[in-house]
Amino acid sequence: MPPLRTALLQSSGRPGAVAENLKALDEAAARAAAAGARLLVAPELFLTGYAIGDAVPGLAEPVDGPGAQAVAEIAVRHGLAVHYGYPERDGERIFNSSQLIGPDGTRLANYRKTHLFGCFEQEWFTPGEETVVQAELDGIRIGLLICYDVEFPENVRAHALAGTDLLLVPTAQMHPFQFVAESVIPVRAFESQMYVAYVNRTGPEGEFEFVGLSCLAGPDGTVRTRAGRGEELVIGEVDPEFLAASRAANPYLNDRRPGLYGSLA
């Protein structure tokens, strides 16, 4: 299989302005497709903005809502898969969710954040209950987590055991926790033998200061591409042949002794 060229959109868009964020996503998709990308990944809650406070209920929409339909049109127009974060409404509940739309406009996966960070998220969102959500794209098994989820090694290891090759992690990583982007993400990729695409917001937003530093980390623990602190579109490749060789050389998953770890749960 050829490498999966993956574009990471580091941007906070315009909080509260869904139409403008969709326009920014469309422009990024055009640039990504022109560079040969088959997948575009946008940050956590990119559709609406993160620090939107009591606007969350009014901007939340169902999994197949107008935002999803607009993203599907973007995916088809540019011939690539698009992954984006949004607030999902399901009856009276609202989830911090992300959705992967295929190049043909079909929904490949929808994930609800399981570990909510801080008072803001815990006030407005219901935690999801499904740890491993996956989809297939060009022969690559893609898994979904969101931000704080990836800081729990159990989540990433669950994906490794389920065969995830590329883990997409839209995030709203803020100061002073930039060490997660700089150090934790490459370690997660190495210890669970997968690629991890960590895609952040950037700049001030409400009470938060997002640090950027989006990256694609490989299974050898090295960063294939890294954004700076500002608005940026960076592109890297997920190479299935390199992944297979790395897994053969680093047999963490085969050398596990699950019988010793029961007390952890």
Protein backbone atom coordinates (compact mmCIF):
# COMPACT_ATOMS: atom_id res chain seq x y z
CA MET A 1 0.00 0.00 0.00
CA PRO A 2 1.26 3.50 -0.74
CA PRO A 3 1.70 5.97 2.15
CA LEU A 4 -1.37 7.91 3.24
CA ARG A 5 -0.55 11.59 2.84
CA THR A 6 -2.16 13.40 5.76
CA ALA A 7 -2.70 17.14 6.21
CA LEU A 8 -2.99 18.72 9.66
CA LEU A 9 -4.91 22.00 9.85
CA GLN A 10 -3.67 24.03 12.82
CA SER A 11 -6.24 26.76 13.28
CA SER A 12 -8.83 28.06 15.72
CA GLY A 13 -11.01 29.39 12.94
CA ARG A 14 -13.49 31.95 14.24
CA PRO A 15 -15.26 30.91 17.47
CA GLY A 16 -19.04 30.96 17.13
CA ALA A 17 -18.99 31.41 13.34
CA VAL A 18 -19.80 28.05 11.79
CA ALA A 19 -20.09 29.35 8.23
CA GLU A 20 -16.66 30.99 8.38
CA ASN A 21 -15.10 27.88 9.88
CA LEU A 22 -16.56 25.78 7.08
CA LYS A 23 -15.09 28.23 4.58
CA ALA A 24 -11.67 27.89 6.24
CA LEU A 25 -12.01 24.11 6.15
CA ASP A 26 -12.91 24.23 2.46
CA GLU A 27 -9.86 26.39 1.67
CA ALA A 28 -7.60 24.05 3.66
CA ALA A 29 -9.05 21.03 1.86
CA ALA A 30 -8.25 22.62 -1.49
CA ARG A 31 -4.64 23.23 -0.44
CA ALA A 32 -4.31 19.75 1.04
CA ALA A 33 -5.71 18.07 -2.08
CA ALA A 34 -3.39 20.11 -4.30
CA ALA A 35 -0.48 18.74 -2.24
CA GLY A 36 -1.67 15.17 -2.78
CA ALA A 37 -3.24 14.60 0.65
CA ARG A 38 -5.97 11.99 1.04
CA LEU A 39 -6.89 13.04 4.58
CA LEU A 40 -7.36 16.43 6.25
CA VAL A 41 -7.55 16.62 10.05
CA ALA A 42 -8.92 19.71 11.84
CA PRO A 43 -8.78 20.51 15.59
CA GLU A 44 -11.15 19.84 18.47
CA LEU A 45 -14.54 21.59 18.13
CA PHE A 46 -13.32 23.26 14.93
CA LEU A 47 -16.84 23.61 13.53
CA THR A 48 -17.97 25.99 16.28
CA GLY A 49 -14.91 27.07 18.26
CA TYR A 50 -13.87 25.80 21.67
CA ALA A 51 -14.29 28.69 24.13
CA ILE A 52 -17.91 29.45 23.25
CA GLY A 53 -19.41 29.05 26.75
CA ASP A 54 -23.20 29.10 26.89
CA ALA A 55 -23.39 29.14 23.08
CA VAL A 56 -22.68 25.40 23.11
CA PRO A 57 -26.33 24.24 23.27
CA GLY A 58 -27.39 26.53 20.42
CA LEU A 59 -24.54 25.45 18.14
CA ALA A 60 -24.66 21.72 18.89
CA GLU A 61 -26.14 19.61 16.10
CA PRO A 62 -26.91 15.96 15.39
CA VAL A 63 -24.35 13.65 13.82
CA ASP A 64 -26.01 14.15 10.42
CA GLY A 65 -26.74 17.86 10.89
CA PRO A 66 -26.06 20.74 8.48
CA GLY A 67 -22.41 20.97 9.48
CA ALA A 68 -21.85 17.32 8.63
CA GLN A 69 -23.60 17.79 5.30
CA ALA A 70 -21.42 20.80 4.50
CA VAL A 71 -18.24 18.88 5.39
CA ALA A 72 -19.38 15.98 3.19
CA GLU A 73 -19.69 18.41 0.28
CA ILE A 74 -16.15 19.68 0.99
CA ALA A 75 -14.80 16.12 1.04
CA VAL A 76 -16.45 15.24 -2.28
CA ARG A 77 -15.44 18.52 -3.92
CA HIS A 78 -11.77 18.00 -3.14
CA GLY A 79 -11.62 14.19 -3.21
CA LEU A 80 -10.19 13.58 0.26
CA ALA A 81 -11.38 12.45 3.69
CA VAL A 82 -12.05 15.17 6.29
CA HIS A 83 -11.95 14.77 10.07
CA TYR A 84 -13.28 17.59 12.24
CA GLY A 85 -14.47 18.30 15.79
CA TYR A 86 -17.95 19.56 16.68
CA PRO A 87 -20.50 19.62 19.54
CA GLU A 88 -22.92 16.75 18.93
CA ARG A 89 -26.52 16.90 20.14
CA ASP A 90 -28.31 13.64 20.89
CA GLY A 91 -31.64 14.46 22.49
CA GLU A 92 -30.94 16.40 25.68
CA ARG A 93 -27.30 15.34 25.79
CA ILE A 94 -24.37 17.14 24.14
CA PHE A 95 -21.07 15.43 23.39
CA ASN A 96 -17.67 16.78 22.46
CA SER A 97 -17.38 14.77 19.25
CA SER A 98 -15.33 14.32 16.12
CA GLN A 99 -16.39 12.88 12.81
CA LEU A 100 -14.54 11.34 9.87
CA ILE A 101 -16.13 11.87 6.46
CA GLY A 102 -14.84 9.84 3.51
CA PRO A 103 -13.81 11.20 0.11
CA ASP A 104 -17.20 10.13 -1.27
CA GLY A 105 -19.06 12.09 1.43
CA THR A 106 -20.11 9.12 3.57
CA ARG A 107 -19.65 9.14 7.35
CA LEU A 108 -16.89 6.68 8.22
CA ALA A 109 -16.85 7.18 12.00
CA ASN A 110 -18.14 9.39 14.80
CA TYR A 111 -16.46 9.51 18.21
CA ARG A 112 -17.55 11.06 21.53
CA LYS A 113 -14.80 12.27 23.88
CA THR A 114 -14.64 9.94 26.89
CA HIS A 115 -12.43 11.99 29.24
CA LEU A 116 -13.64 15.56 29.72
CA PHE A 117 -11.06 18.15 30.76
CA GLY A 118 -11.77 20.91 33.27
CA CYS A 119 -14.88 22.69 34.47
CA PHE A 120 -15.86 24.07 31.06
CA GLU A 121 -16.13 20.68 29.37
CA GLN A 122 -17.66 18.97 32.39
CA GLU A 123 -20.36 21.65 32.57
CA TRP A 124 -21.50 21.44 28.95
CA PHE A 125 -20.73 17.92 27.73
CA THR A 126 -21.66 14.34 28.52
CA PRO A 127 -18.72 11.91 28.42
CA GLY A 128 -18.79 9.26 25.73
CA GLU A 129 -18.68 5.58 26.63
CA GLU A 130 -17.00 3.95 23.60
CA THR A 131 -13.21 3.87 23.82
CA VAL A 132 -12.27 2.43 20.44
CA VAL A 133 -13.90 3.86 17.32
CA GLN A 134 -12.24 2.97 14.01
CA ALA A 135 -12.61 3.29 10.25
CA GLU A 136 -10.72 2.21 7.13
CA LEU A 137 -9.23 4.62 4.60
CA ASP A 138 -7.03 3.46 1.71
CA GLY A 139 -6.18 0.28 3.60
CA ILE A 140 -5.15 2.14 6.77
CA ARG A 141 -7.06 1.45 9.99
CA ILE A 142 -7.82 4.82 11.55
CA GLY A 143 -8.77 5.34 15.20
CA LEU A 144 -10.26 8.41 16.87
CA LEU A 145 -9.59 10.07 20.23
CA ILE A 146 -9.94 13.71 21.33
CA CYS A 147 -7.40 15.82 23.25
CA TYR A 148 -7.33 14.75 26.94
CA ASP A 149 -8.20 11.16 25.93
CA VAL A 150 -4.70 10.60 24.54
CA GLU A 151 -3.11 11.52 27.87
CA PHE A 152 -4.45 8.25 29.30
CA PRO A 153 -2.12 5.50 28.02
CA GLU A 154 -4.88 2.95 28.46
CA ASN A 155 -6.87 4.58 25.66
CA VAL A 156 -4.01 4.45 23.19
CA ARG A 157 -3.07 0.89 24.13
CA ALA A 158 -6.69 -0.17 23.59
CA HIS A 159 -6.42 1.21 20.06
CA ALA A 160 -3.11 -0.60 19.52
CA LEU A 161 -4.65 -3.90 20.58
CA ALA A 162 -7.57 -3.26 18.21
CA GLY A 163 -5.18 -2.76 15.30
CA THR A 164 -5.25 1.02 14.85
CA ASP A 165 -2.54 2.16 12.44
CA LEU A 166 -3.17 5.91 12.54
CA LEU A 167 -4.70 7.59 15.58
CA LEU A 168 -6.35 10.97 14.91
CA VAL A 169 -6.36 13.28 17.94
CA PRO A 170 -7.97 16.70 17.39
CA THR A 171 -7.08 18.80 20.40
CA ALA A 172 -7.42 22.14 22.18
CA GLN A 173 -4.05 21.95 23.94
CA MET A 174 -3.44 25.05 26.01
CA HIS A 175 -0.60 26.72 27.89
CA PRO A 176 1.16 25.53 30.07
CA PHE A 177 0.68 21.93 28.90
CA GLN A 178 2.68 22.11 25.66
CA PHE A 179 4.88 19.24 26.86
CA VAL A 180 2.04 16.94 25.78
CA ALA A 181 2.50 17.98 22.15
CA GLU A 182 6.27 18.06 22.44
CA SER A 183 6.94 14.85 24.40
CA VAL A 184 3.88 12.76 25.27
CA ILE A 185 2.58 12.30 21.72
CA PRO A 186 5.82 10.88 20.25
CA VAL A 187 6.08 8.52 23.25
CA ARG A 188 2.47 7.36 22.79
CA ALA A 189 3.21 6.61 19.13
CA PHE A 190 6.32 4.60 20.06
CA GLU A 191 4.98 2.65 23.02
CA SER A 192 1.85 1.55 21.13
CA GLN A 193 3.49 1.28 17.67
CA MET A 194 1.25 3.49 15.56
CA TYR A 195 1.15 6.86 13.89
CA VAL A 196 -0.49 9.67 15.88
CA ALA A 197 -1.82 12.85 14.24
CA TYR A 198 -2.22 15.47 16.98
CA VAL A 199 -3.94 18.58 15.61
CA ASN A 200 -4.25 21.67 17.78
CA ARG A 201 -5.89 25.05 17.93
CA THR A 202 -3.70 28.14 18.16
CA GLY A 203 -3.63 31.54 19.84
CA PRO A 204 -5.88 33.20 22.42
CA GLU A 205 -9.51 32.19 22.72
CA GLY A 206 -11.55 33.30 25.71
CA GLU A 207 -9.64 32.43 28.86
CA PHE A 208 -7.38 29.97 27.01
CA GLU A 209 -4.09 30.29 25.13
CA PHE A 210 -3.70 27.43 22.66
CA VAL A 211 -0.11 26.46 21.93
CA GLY A 212 -0.23 24.99 18.42
CA LEU A 213 2.64 22.51 17.90
CA SER A 214 0.48 20.08 15.93
CA CYS A 215 2.41 17.01 14.81
CA LEU A 216 2.38 13.67 13.08
CA ALA A 217 4.45 11.23 15.16
CA GLY A 218 5.65 7.88 13.85
CA PRO A 219 5.92 4.47 15.51
CA ASP A 220 9.66 5.01 15.99
CA GLY A 221 8.90 8.00 18.23
CA THR A 222 10.09 10.59 15.73
CA VAL A 223 7.97 13.50 14.54
CA ARG A 224 7.36 13.41 10.78
CA THR A 225 5.99 16.94 10.59
CA ARG A 226 5.50 19.68 13.17
CA ALA A 227 3.66 23.01 13.05
CA GLY A 228 4.79 26.11 14.90
CA ARG A 229 2.63 28.32 17.10
CA GLY A 230 0.51 30.06 14.44
CA GLU A 231 -2.06 29.18 11.77
CA GLU A 232 -0.54 26.51 9.56
CA LEU A 233 -1.24 23.53 7.31
CA VAL A 234 1.43 20.82 7.54
CA ILE A 235 1.58 17.52 5.70
CA GLY A 236 3.16 14.18 6.54
CA GLU A 237 2.92 10.59 5.38
CA VAL A 238 1.68 7.46 7.12
CA ASP A 239 3.75 4.63 5.65
CA PRO A 240 2.23 1.16 6.21
CA GLU A 241 5.46 -0.62 5.21
CA PHE A 242 7.49 1.35 7.76
CA LEU A 243 4.80 0.67 10.37
CA ALA A 244 4.95 -3.09 9.76
CA ALA A 245 8.76 -3.07 10.03
CA SER A 246 8.63 -1.01 13.22
CA ARG A 247 6.13 -3.37 14.82
CA ALA A 248 8.32 -6.33 13.96
CA ALA A 249 11.37 -4.65 15.49
CA ASN A 250 9.57 -3.40 18.63
CA PRO A 251 7.40 -6.26 19.93
CA TYR A 252 5.78 -4.44 22.85
CA LEU A 253 2.34 -5.80 22.02
CA ASN A 254 3.57 -9.39 21.71
CA ASP A 255 5.65 -9.19 24.88
CA ARG A 256 2.84 -7.94 27.10
CA ARG A 257 1.83 -10.06 30.11
CA PRO A 258 -1.83 -9.11 30.68
CA GLY A 259 -2.16 -11.45 33.64
CA LEU A 260 0.10 -9.14 35.63
CA TYR A 261 -1.91 -6.00 34.93
CA GLY A 262 -5.34 -6.93 36.25
CA SER A 263 -5.02 -4.67 39.30
CA LEU A 264 -4.73 -1.62 37.03
CA ALA A 265 -8.42 -1.86 36.21
